[in-house]
PDB file of N, CA and C in Angstrom:
ATOM      1  N   MET A   1      -5.009  13.362   6.191  1.00  0.00           N
ATOM      2  CA  MET A   1      -6.195  12.300   7.104  1.00  0.00           C
ATOM      3  C   MET A   1      -5.104  10.546   7.137  1.00  0.00           C
ATOM      4  N   ILE A   2      -5.284  10.324   7.928  1.00  0.00           N
ATOM      5  CA  ILE A   2      -3.965   9.310   8.632  1.00  0.00           C
ATOM      6  C   ILE A   2      -4.000   8.300   8.238  1.00  0.00           C
ATOM      7  N   ILE A   3      -5.668   7.951   7.749  1.00  0.00           N
ATOM      8  CA  ILE A   3      -6.061   6.481   6.977  1.00  0.00           C
ATOM      9  C   ILE A   3      -5.200   6.736   5.604  1.00  0.00           C
ATOM     10  N   ASP A   4      -5.087   7.889   5.114  1.00  0.00           N
ATOM     11  CA  ASP A   4      -4.751   7.907   3.484  1.00  0.00           C
ATOM     12  C   ASP A   4      -2.886   7.743   3.720  1.00  0.00           C
ATOM     13  N   LYS A   5      -2.092   8.049   4.776  1.00  0.00           N
ATOM     14  CA  LYS A   5      -0.832   7.514   4.546  1.00  0.00           C
ATOM     15  C   LYS A   5      -0.855   6.550   5.016  1.00  0.00           C
ATOM     16  N   ILE A   6      -1.642   6.236   5.509  1.00  0.00           N
ATOM     17  CA  ILE A   6      -1.409   4.423   6.590  1.00  0.00           C
ATOM     18  C   ILE A   6      -1.468   3.282   4.517  1.00  0.00           C
ATOM     19  N   ALA A   7      -2.651   3.534   4.167  1.00  0.00           N
ATOM     20  CA  ALA A   7      -2.855   3.299   2.904  1.00  0.00           C
ATOM     21  C   ALA A   7      -1.104   3.707   1.863  1.00  0.00           C
ATOM     22  N   LEU A   8      -0.735   4.708   1.925  1.00  0.00           N
ATOM     23  CA  LEU A   8      -0.073   4.979   1.176  1.00  0.00           C
ATOM     24  C   LEU A   8       1.099   4.192   1.338  1.00  0.00           C
ATOM     25  N   LEU A   9       1.600   4.454   2.574  1.00  0.00           N
ATOM     26  CA  LEU A   9       2.596   3.323   3.246  1.00  0.00           C
ATOM     27  C   LEU A   9       2.322   2.082   2.992  1.00  0.00           C
ATOM     28  N   LEU A  10       1.545   0.963   2.943  1.00  0.00           N
ATOM     29  CA  LEU A  10       1.190   0.070   2.579  1.00  0.00           C
ATOM     30  C   LEU A  10       1.093  -0.532   1.409  1.00  0.00           C
ATOM     31  N   ALA A  11       0.684   0.449   0.186  1.00  0.00           N
ATOM     32  CA  ALA A  11       0.800   0.418  -0.870  1.00  0.00           C
ATOM     33  C   ALA A  11       2.192   0.038  -1.765  1.00  0.00           C
ATOM     34  N   ILE A  12       3.165   1.346  -1.064  1.00  0.00           N
ATOM     35  CA  ILE A  12       4.257   1.479  -1.391  1.00  0.00           C
ATOM     36  C   ILE A  12       5.146   0.450  -0.907  1.00  0.00           C
ATOM     37  N   ILE A  13       5.048  -0.378  -0.038  1.00  0.00           N
ATOM     38  CA  ILE A  13       5.491  -1.835   0.311  1.00  0.00           C
ATOM     39  C   ILE A  13       5.180  -2.751  -0.244  1.00  0.00           C
ATOM     40  N   GLY A  14       4.117  -3.024  -0.577  1.00  0.00           N
ATOM     41  CA  GLY A  14       3.332  -4.113  -1.997  1.00  0.00           C
ATOM     42  C   GLY A  14       4.095  -3.240  -3.017  1.00  0.00           C
ATOM     43  N   ALA A  15       4.482  -2.497  -3.451  1.00  0.00           N
ATOM     44  CA  ALA A  15       5.241  -1.830  -4.766  1.00  0.00           C
ATOM     45  C   ALA A  15       6.293  -2.384  -4.392  1.00  0.00           C
ATOM     46  N   LEU A  16       7.053  -2.160  -3.293  1.00  0.00           N
ATOM     47  CA  LEU A  16       8.705  -2.797  -3.136  1.00  0.00           C
ATOM     48  C   LEU A  16       9.067  -4.442  -3.599  1.00  0.00           C
ATOM     49  N   ASN A  17       7.946  -4.984  -2.555  1.00  0.00           N
ATOM     50  CA  ASN A  17       7.902  -6.579  -2.384  1.00  0.00           C
ATOM     51  C   ASN A  17       7.715  -7.246  -3.899  1.00  0.00           C
ATOM     52  N   TRP A  18       6.754  -6.342  -4.514  1.00  0.00           N
ATOM     53  CA  TRP A  18       6.326  -6.607  -6.290  1.00  0.00           C
ATOM     54  C   TRP A  18       7.429  -6.120  -6.887  1.00  0.00           C
ATOM     55  N   GLY A  19       8.634  -5.485  -6.719  1.00  0.00           N
ATOM     56  CA  GLY A  19       9.393  -5.339  -7.041  1.00  0.00           C
ATOM     57  C   GLY A  19      10.514  -6.410  -6.999  1.00  0.00           C
ATOM     58  N   GLY A  20      10.367  -6.351  -6.091  1.00  0.00           N
ATOM     59  CA  GLY A  20      11.805  -7.765  -5.583  1.00  0.00           C
ATOM     60  C   GLY A  20      11.170  -9.169  -5.833  1.00  0.00           C
ATOM     61  N   ILE A  21       9.910  -9.693  -6.075  1.00  0.00           N
ATOM     62  CA  ILE A  21       9.553 -10.714  -7.038  1.00  0.00           C
ATOM     63  C   ILE A  21      10.051 -10.638  -8.123  1.00  0.00           C
ATOM     64  N   GLY A  22       9.489  -9.517  -8.819  1.00  0.00           N
ATOM     65  CA  GLY A  22      10.011  -9.224 -10.519  1.00  0.00           C
ATOM     66  C   GLY A  22      11.856  -9.204 -10.741  1.00  0.00           C
ATOM     67  N   LEU A  23      12.044  -8.309 -10.168  1.00  0.00           N
ATOM     68  CA  LEU A  23      13.346  -8.600 -10.609  1.00  0.00           C
ATOM     69  C   LEU A  23      15.120  -9.497  -9.801  1.00  0.00           C
ATOM     70  N   PHE A  24      13.925  -9.777  -9.087  1.00  0.00           N
ATOM     71  CA  PHE A  24      14.863 -10.615  -7.998  1.00  0.00           C
ATOM     72  C   PHE A  24      14.378 -12.514  -7.449  1.00  0.00           C
ATOM     73  N   GLY A  25      13.010 -12.371  -7.880  1.00  0.00           N
ATOM     74  CA  GLY A  25      12.262 -13.583  -7.808  1.00  0.00           C
ATOM     75  C   GLY A  25      12.707 -13.903  -6.000  1.00  0.00           C
ATOM     76  N   PHE A  26      12.395 -12.848  -5.107  1.00  0.00           N
ATOM     77  CA  PHE A  26      12.700 -13.058  -4.162  1.00  0.00           C
ATOM     78  C   PHE A  26      10.828 -12.201  -3.429  1.00  0.00           C
ATOM     79  N   ASP A  27      10.705 -12.797  -2.294  1.00  0.00           N
ATOM     80  CA  ASP A  27       9.367 -12.456  -2.026  1.00  0.00           C
ATOM     81  C   ASP A  27       9.321 -12.105  -0.342  1.00  0.00           C
ATOM     82  N   THR A  28       9.776 -10.911  -0.389  1.00  0.00           N
ATOM     83  CA  THR A  28      10.490 -10.554   1.247  1.00  0.00           C
ATOM     84  C   THR A  28       9.403 -10.790   2.478  1.00  0.00           C
ATOM     85  N   VAL A  29       8.133 -10.609   1.687  1.00  0.00           N
ATOM     86  CA  VAL A  29       6.338 -10.695   2.977  1.00  0.00           C
ATOM     87  C   VAL A  29       7.163 -12.371   3.217  1.00  0.00           C
ATOM     88  N   ALA A  30       6.766 -13.353   2.261  1.00  0.00           N
ATOM     89  CA  ALA A  30       6.942 -14.622   2.406  1.00  0.00           C
ATOM     90  C   ALA A  30       7.961 -15.168   3.305  1.00  0.00           C
ATOM     91  N   PHE A  31       9.377 -14.684   3.195  1.00  0.00           N
ATOM     92  CA  PHE A  31      10.720 -14.493   3.107  1.00  0.00           C
ATOM     93  C   PHE A  31      10.417 -14.458   4.886  1.00  0.00           C
ATOM     94  N   LEU A  32      10.409 -13.210   5.214  1.00  0.00           N
ATOM     95  CA  LEU A  32      10.137 -12.739   6.567  1.00  0.00           C
ATOM     96  C   LEU A  32       8.531 -13.677   7.682  1.00  0.00           C
ATOM     97  N   CYS A  33       7.900 -13.589   7.077  1.00  0.00           N
ATOM     98  CA  CYS A  33       6.433 -14.391   7.616  1.00  0.00           C
ATOM     99  C   CYS A  33       6.203 -15.745   7.899  1.00  0.00           C
ATOM    100  N   GLY A  34       7.180 -16.218   6.643  1.00  0.00           N
ATOM    101  CA  GLY A  34       7.198 -18.017   6.852  1.00  0.00           C
ATOM    102  C   GLY A  34       6.713 -18.797   5.680  1.00  0.00           C
ATOM    103  N   GLY A  35       6.310 -18.066   4.913  1.00  0.00           N
ATOM    104  CA  GLY A  35       5.943 -18.489   3.303  1.00  0.00           C
ATOM    105  C   GLY A  35       4.451 -18.111   2.928  1.00  0.00           C
ATOM    106  N   GLN A  36       3.808 -18.245   1.832  1.00  0.00           N
ATOM    107  CA  GLN A  36       3.030 -16.940   1.058  1.00  0.00           C
ATOM    108  C   GLN A  36       1.889 -18.024   1.285  1.00  0.00           C
ATOM    109  N   MET A  37       1.917 -18.742   1.903  1.00  0.00           N
ATOM    110  CA  MET A  37       0.435 -19.118   2.923  1.00  0.00           C
ATOM    111  C   MET A  37       0.269 -19.005   3.918  1.00  0.00           C
ATOM    112  N   ALA A  38       1.594 -18.401   4.986  1.00  0.00           N
ATOM    113  CA  ALA A  38       1.201 -18.462   6.563  1.00  0.00           C
ATOM    114  C   ALA A  38       0.356 -17.523   6.636  1.00  0.00           C
ATOM    115  N   VAL A  39       0.001 -17.444   7.739  1.00  0.00           N
ATOM    116  CA  VAL A  39      -1.378 -16.593   8.002  1.00  0.00           C
ATOM    117  C   VAL A  39      -0.929 -15.123   7.991  1.00  0.00           C
ATOM    118  N   LEU A  40       0.202 -15.137   8.752  1.00  0.00           N
ATOM    119  CA  LEU A  40       0.842 -13.611   8.845  1.00  0.00           C
ATOM    120  C   LEU A  40       1.049 -13.012   6.940  1.00  0.00           C
ATOM    121  N   SER A  41       1.055 -14.039   6.348  1.00  0.00           N
ATOM    122  CA  SER A  41       1.575 -13.321   5.231  1.00  0.00           C
ATOM    123  C   SER A  41       0.214 -13.058   4.539  1.00  0.00           C
ATOM    124  N   ARG A  42      -0.658 -13.964   4.915  1.00  0.00           N
ATOM    125  CA  ARG A  42      -2.073 -13.799   3.845  1.00  0.00           C
ATOM    126  C   ARG A  42      -2.627 -11.882   5.100  1.00  0.00           C
ATOM    127  N   VAL A  43      -2.437 -12.279   5.715  1.00  0.00           N
ATOM    128  CA  VAL A  43      -3.123 -10.847   6.323  1.00  0.00           C
ATOM    129  C   VAL A  43      -2.247  -9.603   5.738  1.00  0.00           C
ATOM    130  N   ILE A  44      -1.095  -9.544   5.911  1.00  0.00           N
ATOM    131  CA  ILE A  44       0.167  -8.478   4.888  1.00  0.00           C
ATOM    132  C   ILE A  44      -0.786  -8.417   3.849  1.00  0.00           C
ATOM    133  N   TYR A  45      -0.655  -9.515   2.873  1.00  0.00           N
ATOM    134  CA  TYR A  45      -1.198  -9.081   1.057  1.00  0.00           C
ATOM    135  C   TYR A  45      -2.506  -8.523   1.052  1.00  0.00           C
ATOM    136  N   ALA A  46      -3.086  -9.019   2.102  1.00  0.00           N
ATOM    137  CA  ALA A  46      -4.697  -8.872   2.366  1.00  0.00           C
ATOM    138  C   ALA A  46      -4.857  -7.076   2.491  1.00  0.00           C
ATOM    139  N   LEU A  47      -4.094  -6.775   3.293  1.00  0.00           N
ATOM    140  CA  LEU A  47      -4.239  -5.173   4.012  1.00  0.00           C
ATOM    141  C   LEU A  47      -3.505  -4.841   3.112  1.00  0.00           C
ATOM    142  N   VAL A  48      -2.158  -4.965   2.143  1.00  0.00           N
ATOM    143  CA  VAL A  48      -1.894  -4.079   1.248  1.00  0.00           C
ATOM    144  C   VAL A  48      -2.471  -4.124  -0.310  1.00  0.00           C
ATOM    145  N   GLY A  49      -3.338  -5.328  -0.375  1.00  0.00           N
ATOM    146  CA  GLY A  49      -4.065  -4.643  -1.468  1.00  0.00           C
ATOM    147  C   GLY A  49      -5.450  -3.803  -1.252  1.00  0.00           C
ATOM    148  N   LEU A  50      -5.806  -4.107   0.404  1.00  0.00           N
ATOM    149  CA  LEU A  50      -6.947  -3.056   0.955  1.00  0.00           C
ATOM    150  C   LEU A  50      -6.433  -1.558   0.429  1.00  0.00           C
ATOM    151  N   ALA A  51      -5.230  -1.311   1.185  1.00  0.00           N
ATOM    152  CA  ALA A  51      -4.595   0.062   0.874  1.00  0.00           C
ATOM    153  C   ALA A  51      -4.428   0.412  -0.400  1.00  0.00           C
ATOM    154  N   GLY A  52      -4.409  -0.649  -1.500  1.00  0.00           N
ATOM    155  CA  GLY A  52      -4.251  -0.275  -2.907  1.00  0.00           C
ATOM    156  C   GLY A  52      -5.633   0.082  -3.649  1.00  0.00           C
ATOM    157  N   LEU A  53      -6.697  -0.252  -2.898  1.00  0.00           N
ATOM    158  CA  LEU A  53      -8.076   0.209  -3.087  1.00  0.00           C
ATOM    159  C   LEU A  53      -8.602   1.337  -2.699  1.00  0.00           C
ATOM    160  N   TRP A  54      -8.037   1.627  -1.547  1.00  0.00           N
ATOM    161  CA  TRP A  54      -8.629   2.983  -0.786  1.00  0.00           C
ATOM    162  C   TRP A  54      -7.316   3.518  -1.576  1.00  0.00           C
ATOM    163  N   CYS A  55      -6.144   3.779  -2.145  1.00  0.00           N
ATOM    164  CA  CYS A  55      -5.389   4.416  -2.533  1.00  0.00           C
ATOM    165  C   CYS A  55      -6.049   5.116  -3.928  1.00  0.00           C
ATOM    166  N   ILE A  56      -6.841   4.166  -4.843  1.00  0.00           N
ATOM    167  CA  ILE A  56      -7.662   4.637  -5.777  1.00  0.00           C
ATOM    168  C   ILE A  56      -8.620   5.906  -5.534  1.00  0.00           C
ATOM    169  N   THR A  57      -9.208   5.759  -4.186  1.00  0.00           N
ATOM    170  CA  THR A  57      -9.838   7.049  -3.948  1.00  0.00           C
ATOM    171  C   THR A  57      -9.075   8.323  -3.881  1.00  0.00           C
ATOM    172  N   LEU A  58      -7.737   8.168  -3.534  1.00  0.00           N
ATOM    173  CA  LEU A  58      -7.107   9.637  -3.304  1.00  0.00           C
ATOM    174  C   LEU A  58      -7.188  10.377  -5.001  1.00  0.00           C
ATOM    175  N   LEU A  59      -7.206   9.350  -6.166  1.00  0.00           N
ATOM    176  CA  LEU A  59      -7.076   9.865  -7.499  1.00  0.00           C
ATOM    177  C   LEU A  59      -8.212  11.023  -7.700  1.00  0.00           C
ATOM    178  N   PHE A  60      -9.345  10.826  -7.061  1.00  0.00           N
ATOM    179  CA  PHE A  60     -10.653  11.816  -7.355  1.00  0.00           C
ATOM    180  C   PHE A  60     -11.374  12.147  -6.631  1.00  0.00           C
ATOM    181  N   ARG A  61     -10.044  12.682  -5.608  1.00  0.00           N
ATOM    182  CA  ARG A  61     -10.203  13.845  -4.293  1.00  0.00           C
ATOM    183  C   ARG A  61      -9.977  15.180  -4.936  1.00  0.00           C
ATOM    184  N   SER A  62     -10.545  16.329  -4.848  1.00  0.00           N
ATOM    185  CA  SER A  62      -9.963  17.373  -4.609  1.00  0.00           C
ATOM    186  C   SER A  62      -8.970  17.796  -3.705  1.00  0.00           C
ATOM    187  N   GLY A  63      -8.392  19.036  -3.951  1.00  0.00           N
ATOM    188  CA  GLY A  63      -7.239  19.456  -2.786  1.00  0.00           C
ATOM    189  C   GLY A  63      -7.729  19.591  -1.738  1.00  0.00           C
ATOM    190  N   GLU A  64      -8.972  20.705  -1.460  1.00  0.00           N
ATOM    191  CA  GLU A  64      -9.414  20.512   0.135  1.00  0.00           C
ATOM    192  C   GLU A  64      -9.811  18.908   0.817  1.00  0.00           C
ATOM    193  N   GLU A  65     -10.746  17.841  -0.242  1.00  0.00           N
ATOM    194  CA  GLU A  65     -11.026  16.585   0.668  1.00  0.00           C
ATOM    195  C   GLU A  65      -9.715  16.591   1.170  1.00  0.00           C
ATOM    196  N   ALA A  66      -8.777  16.541   0.737  1.00  0.00           N
ATOM    197  CA  ALA A  66      -7.181  15.642   0.787  1.00  0.00           C
ATOM    198  C   ALA A  66      -6.693  16.172   1.669  1.00  0.00           C
ATOM    199  N   GLY A  67      -7.175  17.039   2.565  1.00  0.00           N
ATOM    200  CA  GLY A  67      -6.596  17.644   3.359  1.00  0.00           C
ATOM    201  C   GLY A  67      -5.348  18.858   3.254  1.00  0.00           C
ATOM    202  N   GLN A  68      -5.137  19.424   1.732  1.00  0.00           N
ATOM    203  CA  GLN A  68      -4.531  20.149   1.693  1.00  0.00           C
ATOM    204  C   GLN A  68      -5.328  21.756   1.200  1.00  0.00           C
ATOM    205  N   GLU A  69      -4.259  22.527   1.612  1.00  0.00           N
ATOM    206  CA  GLU A  69      -4.602  23.929   1.720  1.00  0.00           C
ATOM    207  C   GLU A  69      -5.086  24.270   0.269  1.00  0.00           C
ATOM    208  N   PRO A  70      -6.246  24.880   0.288  1.00  0.00           N
ATOM    209  CA  PRO A  70      -6.543  26.022  -0.981  1.00  0.00           C
ATOM    210  C   PRO A  70      -5.104  26.579  -1.715  1.00  0.00           C
ATOM    211  N   HIS A  71      -5.311  27.177  -2.423  1.00  0.00           N
ATOM    212  CA  HIS A  71      -4.009  27.714  -3.451  1.00  0.00           C
ATOM    213  C   HIS A  71      -4.955  29.220  -3.245  1.00  0.00           C
ATOM    214  N   ALA A  72      -4.270  30.077  -3.312  1.00  0.00           N
ATOM    215  CA  ALA A  72      -4.586  31.455  -3.076  1.00  0.00           C
ATOM    216  C   ALA A  72      -4.574  31.819  -4.674  1.00  0.00           C
ATOM    217  N   ALA A  73      -5.485  32.517  -5.268  1.00  0.00           N
ATOM    218  CA  ALA A  73      -5.666  32.959  -6.700  1.00  0.00           C
ATOM    219  C   ALA A  73      -5.097  34.205  -6.798  1.00  0.00           C
TER     220      ALA A  73
END
């Protein structure tokens, strides 16, 4: 499902941003968008947060629901 891939991509971007903050003290989103409280930064942070919540659903889906082919027995 396309929304799953978009959510996963946003969650990865968020994870990389948090990694940059933790390792180097550098917030890439804030740097690129004009600070942590800039409207664009806040929109990106909100989208990443929603994507993370959506990714939780991936943990509880069976293979067929996630769009995977069932394995032959």
